[in-house]
């Protein structure tokens, strides 16, 4: 669901710019998905380790949108 949310936010920007930066509130995400912030942090950490995103304070930079789409598809089958 987190990948889906990030894809949605990027898609809302219209044309995909070369650099995609999304403001993220982990507390809001955890409430929205009814999961702990720890779960959100673990997912974001995995995406960061896979070099799909980078986290800078309260912002997420999408480094590889195509791989984010792939991660979203994989998460749907799990």
PDB file of N, CA and C in Angstrom:
ATOM      1  N   UNK A   1       0.818  -1.203   0.000  1.00  0.00           N
ATOM      2  CA  UNK A   1       0.000   0.000   0.000  1.00  0.00           C
ATOM      3  C   UNK A   1       0.855   1.258   0.000  1.00  0.00           C
ATOM      4  N   UNK A   2       2.021   1.173   0.635  1.00  0.00           N
ATOM      5  CA  UNK A   2       2.909   2.335   0.654  1.00  0.00           C
ATOM      6  C   UNK A   2       3.416   2.619  -0.757  1.00  0.00           C
ATOM      7  N   UNK A   3       3.824   1.578  -1.475  1.00  0.00           N
ATOM      8  CA  UNK A   3       4.271   1.763  -2.864  1.00  0.00           C
ATOM      9  C   UNK A   3       3.148   2.345  -3.704  1.00  0.00           C
ATOM     10  N   UNK A   4       1.941   1.830  -3.522  1.00  0.00           N
ATOM     11  CA  UNK A   4       0.792   2.334  -4.254  1.00  0.00           C
ATOM     12  C   UNK A   4       0.568   3.807  -3.963  1.00  0.00           C
ATOM     13  N   UNK A   5       0.708   4.203  -2.713  1.00  0.00           N
ATOM     14  CA  UNK A   5       0.543   5.602  -2.321  1.00  0.00           C
ATOM     15  C   UNK A   5       1.600   6.475  -2.997  1.00  0.00           C
ATOM     16  N   UNK A   6       2.850   6.022  -3.010  1.00  0.00           N
ATOM     17  CA  UNK A   6       3.913   6.798  -3.648  1.00  0.00           C
ATOM     18  C   UNK A   6       3.682   6.926  -5.147  1.00  0.00           C
ATOM     19  N   UNK A   7       3.256   5.843  -5.785  1.00  0.00           N
ATOM     20  CA  UNK A   7       2.952   5.891  -7.219  1.00  0.00           C
ATOM     21  C   UNK A   7       1.815   6.879  -7.474  1.00  0.00           C
ATOM     22  N   UNK A   8       0.797   6.835  -6.642  1.00  0.00           N
ATOM     23  CA  UNK A   8      -0.336   7.766  -6.767  1.00  0.00           C
ATOM     24  C   UNK A   8       0.140   9.209  -6.658  1.00  0.00           C
ATOM     25  N   UNK A   9       0.984   9.495  -5.655  1.00  0.00           N
ATOM     26  CA  UNK A   9       1.463  10.867  -5.446  1.00  0.00           C
ATOM     27  C   UNK A   9       2.289  11.342  -6.639  1.00  0.00           C
ATOM     28  N   UNK A  10       3.132  10.466  -7.183  1.00  0.00           N
ATOM     29  CA  UNK A  10       3.927  10.842  -8.355  1.00  0.00           C
ATOM     30  C   UNK A  10       3.009  11.069  -9.553  1.00  0.00           C
ATOM     31  N   UNK A  11       2.026  10.207  -9.731  1.00  0.00           N
ATOM     32  CA  UNK A  11       1.095  10.345 -10.854  1.00  0.00           C
ATOM     33  C   UNK A  11       0.298  11.642 -10.754  1.00  0.00           C
ATOM     34  N   UNK A  12       0.032  12.082  -9.537  1.00  0.00           N
ATOM     35  CA  UNK A  12      -0.711  13.328  -9.337  1.00  0.00           C
ATOM     36  C   UNK A  12       0.094  14.546  -9.783  1.00  0.00           C
ATOM     37  N   UNK A  13       1.414  14.374  -9.923  1.00  0.00           N
ATOM     38  CA  UNK A  13       2.254  15.480 -10.382  1.00  0.00           C
ATOM     39  C   UNK A  13       2.106  15.720 -11.883  1.00  0.00           C
ATOM     40  N   UNK A  14       1.431  14.819 -12.571  1.00  0.00           N
ATOM     41  CA  UNK A  14       1.279  14.956 -14.023  1.00  0.00           C
ATOM     42  C   UNK A  14       2.463  14.319 -14.709  1.00  0.00           C
ATOM     43  N   UNK A  15       3.073  15.050 -15.640  1.00  0.00           N
ATOM     44  CA  UNK A  15       4.263  14.531 -16.316  1.00  0.00           C
ATOM     45  C   UNK A  15       5.336  14.252 -15.280  1.00  0.00           C
ATOM     46  N   UNK A  16       5.956  13.094 -15.405  1.00  0.00           N
ATOM     47  CA  UNK A  16       6.976  12.716 -14.430  1.00  0.00           C
ATOM     48  C   UNK A  16       8.237  13.543 -14.646  1.00  0.00           C
ATOM     49  N   UNK A  17       8.528  14.431 -13.711  1.00  0.00           N
ATOM     50  CA  UNK A  17       9.777  15.184 -13.832  1.00  0.00           C
ATOM     51  C   UNK A  17      10.966  14.276 -13.554  1.00  0.00           C
ATOM     52  N   UNK A  18      12.142  14.729 -13.949  1.00  0.00           N
ATOM     53  CA  UNK A  18      13.334  13.914 -13.745  1.00  0.00           C
ATOM     54  C   UNK A  18      13.558  13.651 -12.261  1.00  0.00           C
ATOM     55  N   UNK A  19      13.325  14.657 -11.447  1.00  0.00           N
ATOM     56  CA  UNK A  19      13.474  14.507 -10.002  1.00  0.00           C
ATOM     57  C   UNK A  19      12.098  14.618  -9.361  1.00  0.00           C
ATOM     58  N   UNK A  20      11.720  13.596  -8.631  1.00  0.00           N
ATOM     59  CA  UNK A  20      10.403  13.584  -8.001  1.00  0.00           C
ATOM     60  C   UNK A  20      10.573  13.619  -6.493  1.00  0.00           C
ATOM     61  N   UNK A  21       9.982  14.616  -5.867  1.00  0.00           N
ATOM     62  CA  UNK A  21      10.111  14.792  -4.431  1.00  0.00           C
ATOM     63  C   UNK A  21       8.712  14.872  -3.841  1.00  0.00           C
ATOM     64  N   UNK A  22       8.478  14.054  -2.829  1.00  0.00           N
ATOM     65  CA  UNK A  22       7.159  13.965  -2.210  1.00  0.00           C
ATOM     66  C   UNK A  22       7.295  14.245  -0.721  1.00  0.00           C
ATOM     67  N   UNK A  23       6.459  15.131  -0.215  1.00  0.00           N
ATOM     68  CA  UNK A  23       6.431  15.374   1.225  1.00  0.00           C
ATOM     69  C   UNK A  23       5.708  14.198   1.867  1.00  0.00           C
ATOM     70  N   UNK A  24       6.281  13.684   2.941  1.00  0.00           N
ATOM     71  CA  UNK A  24       5.729  12.488   3.565  1.00  0.00           C
ATOM     72  C   UNK A  24       5.600  12.691   5.063  1.00  0.00           C
ATOM     73  N   UNK A  25       4.452  12.372   5.571  1.00  0.00           N
ATOM     74  CA  UNK A  25       4.219  12.381   7.014  1.00  0.00           C
ATOM     75  C   UNK A  25       3.975  10.937   7.424  1.00  0.00           C
ATOM     76  N   UNK A  26       4.974  10.328   8.067  1.00  0.00           N
ATOM     77  CA  UNK A  26       4.889   8.913   8.419  1.00  0.00           C
ATOM     78  C   UNK A  26       3.734   8.641   9.380  1.00  0.00           C
ATOM     79  N   UNK A  27       3.455   9.585  10.257  1.00  0.00           N
ATOM     80  CA  UNK A  27       2.349   9.402  11.206  1.00  0.00           C
ATOM     81  C   UNK A  27       1.013   9.323  10.473  1.00  0.00           C
ATOM     82  N   UNK A  28       0.823  10.202   9.501  1.00  0.00           N
ATOM     83  CA  UNK A  28      -0.406  10.192   8.714  1.00  0.00           C
ATOM     84  C   UNK A  28      -0.533   8.892   7.926  1.00  0.00           C
ATOM     85  N   UNK A  29       0.586   8.447   7.346  1.00  0.00           N
ATOM     86  CA  UNK A  29       0.566   7.184   6.598  1.00  0.00           C
ATOM     87  C   UNK A  29       0.195   6.020   7.496  1.00  0.00           C
ATOM     88  N   UNK A  30       0.782   5.970   8.687  1.00  0.00           N
ATOM     89  CA  UNK A  30       0.486   4.854   9.574  1.00  0.00           C
ATOM     90  C   UNK A  30      -0.978   4.860   9.989  1.00  0.00           C
ATOM     91  N   UNK A  31      -1.542   6.046  10.194  1.00  0.00           N
ATOM     92  CA  UNK A  31      -2.968   6.132  10.518  1.00  0.00           C
ATOM     93  C   UNK A  31      -3.823   5.740   9.319  1.00  0.00           C
ATOM     94  N   UNK A  32      -3.435   6.216   8.157  1.00  0.00           N
ATOM     95  CA  UNK A  32      -4.196   5.945   6.932  1.00  0.00           C
ATOM     96  C   UNK A  32      -4.273   4.452   6.625  1.00  0.00           C
ATOM     97  N   UNK A  33      -3.154   3.740   6.833  1.00  0.00           N
ATOM     98  CA  UNK A  33      -3.095   2.322   6.518  1.00  0.00           C
ATOM     99  C   UNK A  33      -3.314   1.430   7.728  1.00  0.00           C
ATOM    100  N   UNK A  34      -3.566   2.037   8.884  1.00  0.00           N
ATOM    101  CA  UNK A  34      -3.810   1.298  10.135  1.00  0.00           C
ATOM    102  C   UNK A  34      -2.665   0.331  10.456  1.00  0.00           C
ATOM    103  N   UNK A  35      -1.451   0.846  10.323  1.00  0.00           N
ATOM    104  CA  UNK A  35      -0.255   0.089  10.680  1.00  0.00           C
ATOM    105  C   UNK A  35       0.625   0.983  11.548  1.00  0.00           C
ATOM    106  N   UNK A  36       1.611   0.384  12.184  1.00  0.00           N
ATOM    107  CA  UNK A  36       2.502   1.165  13.030  1.00  0.00           C
ATOM    108  C   UNK A  36       3.499   1.953  12.190  1.00  0.00           C
ATOM    109  N   UNK A  37       4.023   3.018  12.798  1.00  0.00           N
ATOM    110  CA  UNK A  37       5.071   3.777  12.118  1.00  0.00           C
ATOM    111  C   UNK A  37       6.290   2.898  11.872  1.00  0.00           C
ATOM    112  N   UNK A  38       6.500   1.943  12.753  1.00  0.00           N
ATOM    113  CA  UNK A  38       7.618   1.013  12.580  1.00  0.00           C
ATOM    114  C   UNK A  38       7.479   0.244  11.267  1.00  0.00           C
ATOM    115  N   UNK A  39       6.261  -0.181  10.947  1.00  0.00           N
ATOM    116  CA  UNK A  39       6.023  -0.890   9.675  1.00  0.00           C
ATOM    117  C   UNK A  39       6.299   0.019   8.488  1.00  0.00           C
ATOM    118  N   UNK A  40       5.838   1.260   8.576  1.00  0.00           N
ATOM    119  CA  UNK A  40       6.085   2.237   7.502  1.00  0.00           C
ATOM    120  C   UNK A  40       7.591   2.430   7.338  1.00  0.00           C
ATOM    121  N   UNK A  41       8.284   2.616   8.453  1.00  0.00           N
ATOM    122  CA  UNK A  41       9.730   2.825   8.405  1.00  0.00           C
ATOM    123  C   UNK A  41      10.456   1.634   7.787  1.00  0.00           C
ATOM    124  N   UNK A  42      10.008   0.426   8.097  1.00  0.00           N
ATOM    125  CA  UNK A  42      10.643  -0.781   7.553  1.00  0.00           C
ATOM    126  C   UNK A  42      10.475  -0.833   6.028  1.00  0.00           C
ATOM    127  N   UNK A  43       9.287  -0.519   5.559  1.00  0.00           N
ATOM    128  CA  UNK A  43       9.034  -0.528   4.112  1.00  0.00           C
ATOM    129  C   UNK A  43       9.887   0.533   3.418  1.00  0.00           C
ATOM    130  N   UNK A  44       9.912   1.731   3.988  1.00  0.00           N
ATOM    131  CA  UNK A  44      10.706   2.807   3.398  1.00  0.00           C
ATOM    132  C   UNK A  44      12.194   2.460   3.423  1.00  0.00           C
ATOM    133  N   UNK A  45      12.646   1.824   4.486  1.00  0.00           N
ATOM    134  CA  UNK A  45      14.051   1.405   4.592  1.00  0.00           C
ATOM    135  C   UNK A  45      14.380   0.406   3.485  1.00  0.00           C
ATOM    136  N   UNK A  46      13.480  -0.549   3.251  1.00  0.00           N
ATOM    137  CA  UNK A  46      13.705  -1.532   2.184  1.00  0.00           C
ATOM    138  C   UNK A  46      13.788  -0.853   0.818  1.00  0.00           C
ATOM    139  N   UNK A  47      12.894   0.089   0.567  1.00  0.00           N
ATOM    140  CA  UNK A  47      12.916   0.811  -0.709  1.00  0.00           C
ATOM    141  C   UNK A  47      14.188   1.634  -0.849  1.00  0.00           C
ATOM    142  N   UNK A  48      14.642   2.204   0.258  1.00  0.00           N
ATOM    143  CA  UNK A  48      15.875   2.987   0.230  1.00  0.00           C
ATOM    144  C   UNK A  48      17.078   2.086  -0.032  1.00  0.00           C
ATOM    145  N   UNK A  49      17.132   0.938   0.634  1.00  0.00           N
ATOM    146  CA  UNK A  49      18.238   0.000   0.419  1.00  0.00           C
ATOM    147  C   UNK A  49      18.279  -0.507  -1.016  1.00  0.00           C
ATOM    148  N   UNK A  50      17.103  -0.612  -1.639  1.00  0.00           N
ATOM    149  CA  UNK A  50      17.027  -1.046  -3.037  1.00  0.00           C
ATOM    150  C   UNK A  50      17.273   0.105  -4.011  1.00  0.00           C
ATOM    151  N   UNK A  51      17.590   1.287  -3.468  1.00  0.00           N
ATOM    152  CA  UNK A  51      17.883   2.494  -4.255  1.00  0.00           C
ATOM    153  C   UNK A  51      16.714   2.906  -5.150  1.00  0.00           C
ATOM    154  N   UNK A  52      15.519   2.685  -4.638  1.00  0.00           N
ATOM    155  CA  UNK A  52      14.311   3.116  -5.336  1.00  0.00           C
ATOM    156  C   UNK A  52      13.934   4.519  -4.864  1.00  0.00           C
ATOM    157  N   UNK A  53      14.161   4.779  -3.582  1.00  0.00           N
ATOM    158  CA  UNK A  53      13.882   6.092  -3.005  1.00  0.00           C
ATOM    159  C   UNK A  53      15.074   6.543  -2.178  1.00  0.00           C
ATOM    160  N   UNK A  54      15.056   7.825  -1.839  1.00  0.00           N
ATOM    161  CA  UNK A  54      15.979   8.379  -0.861  1.00  0.00           C
ATOM    162  C   UNK A  54      15.139   9.213   0.091  1.00  0.00           C
ATOM    163  N   UNK A  55      15.475   9.183   1.354  1.00  0.00           N
ATOM    164  CA  UNK A  55      14.698   9.916   2.344  1.00  0.00           C
ATOM    165  C   UNK A  55      15.539  11.076   2.845  1.00  0.00           C
ATOM    166  N   UNK A  56      14.935  12.258   2.817  1.00  0.00           N
ATOM    167  CA  UNK A  56      15.614  13.465   3.264  1.00  0.00           C
ATOM    168  C   UNK A  56      14.663  14.213   4.185  1.00  0.00           C
ATOM    169  N   UNK A  57      14.774  13.950   5.479  1.00  0.00           N
ATOM    170  CA  UNK A  57      13.877  14.587   6.440  1.00  0.00           C
ATOM    171  C   UNK A  57      12.456  14.115   6.223  1.00  0.00           C
ATOM    172  N   UNK A  58      11.558  15.045   5.977  1.00  0.00           N
ATOM    173  CA  UNK A  58      10.153  14.687   5.757  1.00  0.00           C
ATOM    174  C   UNK A  58       9.816  14.567   4.272  1.00  0.00           C
ATOM    175  N   UNK A  59      10.842  14.425   3.439  1.00  0.00           N
ATOM    176  CA  UNK A  59      10.632  14.273   1.997  1.00  0.00           C
ATOM    177  C   UNK A  59      11.207  12.955   1.507  1.00  0.00           C
ATOM    178  N   UNK A  60      10.558  12.426   0.490  1.00  0.00           N
ATOM    179  CA  UNK A  60      11.060  11.238  -0.194  1.00  0.00           C
ATOM    180  C   UNK A  60      11.369  11.654  -1.623  1.00  0.00           C
ATOM    181  N   UNK A  61      12.553  11.316  -2.063  1.00  0.00           N
ATOM    182  CA  UNK A  61      12.939  11.522  -3.456  1.00  0.00           C
ATOM    183  C   UNK A  61      12.814  10.185  -4.164  1.00  0.00           C
ATOM    184  N   UNK A  62      12.048  10.161  -5.220  1.00  0.00           N
ATOM    185  CA  UNK A  62      11.900   8.945  -6.018  1.00  0.00           C
ATOM    186  C   UNK A  62      13.088   8.883  -6.970  1.00  0.00           C
ATOM    187  N   UNK A  63      13.923   7.881  -6.793  1.00  0.00           N
ATOM    188  CA  UNK A  63      15.121   7.739  -7.611  1.00  0.00           C
ATOM    189  C   UNK A  63      14.868   6.909  -8.866  1.00  0.00           C
ATOM    190  N   UNK A  64      13.981   5.933  -8.765  1.00  0.00           N
ATOM    191  CA  UNK A  64      13.728   5.027  -9.889  1.00  0.00           C
ATOM    192  C   UNK A  64      12.236   4.685  -9.916  1.00  0.00           C
ATOM    193  N   UNK A  65      11.480   5.464 -10.674  1.00  0.00           N
ATOM    194  CA  UNK A  65      10.030   5.297 -10.717  1.00  0.00           C
ATOM    195  C   UNK A  65       9.635   3.938 -11.290  1.00  0.00           C
ATOM    196  N   UNK A  66      10.357   3.466 -12.294  1.00  0.00           N
ATOM    197  CA  UNK A  66      10.025   2.173 -12.904  1.00  0.00           C
ATOM    198  C   UNK A  66      10.159   1.039 -11.879  1.00  0.00           C
ATOM    199  N   UNK A  67      11.205   1.091 -11.080  1.00  0.00           N
ATOM    200  CA  UNK A  67      11.382   0.062 -10.046  1.00  0.00           C
ATOM    201  C   UNK A  67      10.343   0.213  -8.944  1.00  0.00           C
ATOM    202  N   UNK A  68       9.894   1.432  -8.682  1.00  0.00           N
ATOM    203  CA  UNK A  68       8.811   1.635  -7.723  1.00  0.00           C
ATOM    204  C   UNK A  68       7.535   0.977  -8.240  1.00  0.00           C
ATOM    205  N   UNK A  69       7.269   1.120  -9.529  1.00  0.00           N
ATOM    206  CA  UNK A  69       6.104   0.452 -10.129  1.00  0.00           C
ATOM    207  C   UNK A  69       6.224  -1.068  -9.996  1.00  0.00           C
ATOM    208  N   UNK A  70       7.427  -1.586 -10.212  1.00  0.00           N
ATOM    209  CA  UNK A  70       7.653  -3.027 -10.069  1.00  0.00           C
ATOM    210  C   UNK A  70       7.421  -3.462  -8.624  1.00  0.00           C
ATOM    211  N   UNK A  71       7.912  -2.692  -7.670  1.00  0.00           N
ATOM    212  CA  UNK A  71       7.731  -3.010  -6.245  1.00  0.00           C
ATOM    213  C   UNK A  71       6.247  -2.984  -5.885  1.00  0.00           C
ATOM    214  N   UNK A  72       5.519  -2.059  -6.489  1.00  0.00           N
ATOM    215  CA  UNK A  72       4.075  -1.983  -6.251  1.00  0.00           C
ATOM    216  C   UNK A  72       3.390  -3.261  -6.746  1.00  0.00           C
ATOM    217  N   UNK A  73       3.761  -3.712  -7.951  1.00  0.00           N
ATOM    218  CA  UNK A  73       3.171  -4.935  -8.506  1.00  0.00           C
ATOM    219  C   UNK A  73       3.490  -6.152  -7.643  1.00  0.00           C
ATOM    220  N   UNK A  74       4.744  -6.248  -7.207  1.00  0.00           N
ATOM    221  CA  UNK A  74       5.152  -7.373  -6.348  1.00  0.00           C
ATOM    222  C   UNK A  74       4.343  -7.355  -5.052  1.00  0.00           C
ATOM    223  N   UNK A  75       4.165  -6.173  -4.480  1.00  0.00           N
ATOM    224  CA  UNK A  75       3.446  -6.078  -3.213  1.00  0.00           C
ATOM    225  C   UNK A  75       1.975  -6.493  -3.357  1.00  0.00           C
ATOM    226  N   UNK A  76       1.422  -6.349  -4.540  1.00  0.00           N
ATOM    227  CA  UNK A  76       0.022  -6.751  -4.749  1.00  0.00           C
ATOM    228  C   UNK A  76      -0.141  -8.270  -4.713  1.00  0.00           C
ATOM    229  N   UNK A  77       0.926  -8.994  -5.042  1.00  0.00           N
ATOM    230  CA  UNK A  77       0.828 -10.452  -5.082  1.00  0.00           C
ATOM    231  C   UNK A  77       1.196 -11.095  -3.754  1.00  0.00           C
ATOM    232  N   UNK A  78       1.704 -10.306  -2.825  1.00  0.00           N
ATOM    233  CA  UNK A  78       2.112 -10.859  -1.534  1.00  0.00           C
ATOM    234  C   UNK A  78       0.953 -10.905  -0.567  1.00  0.00           C
TER     235      UNK A  78
END
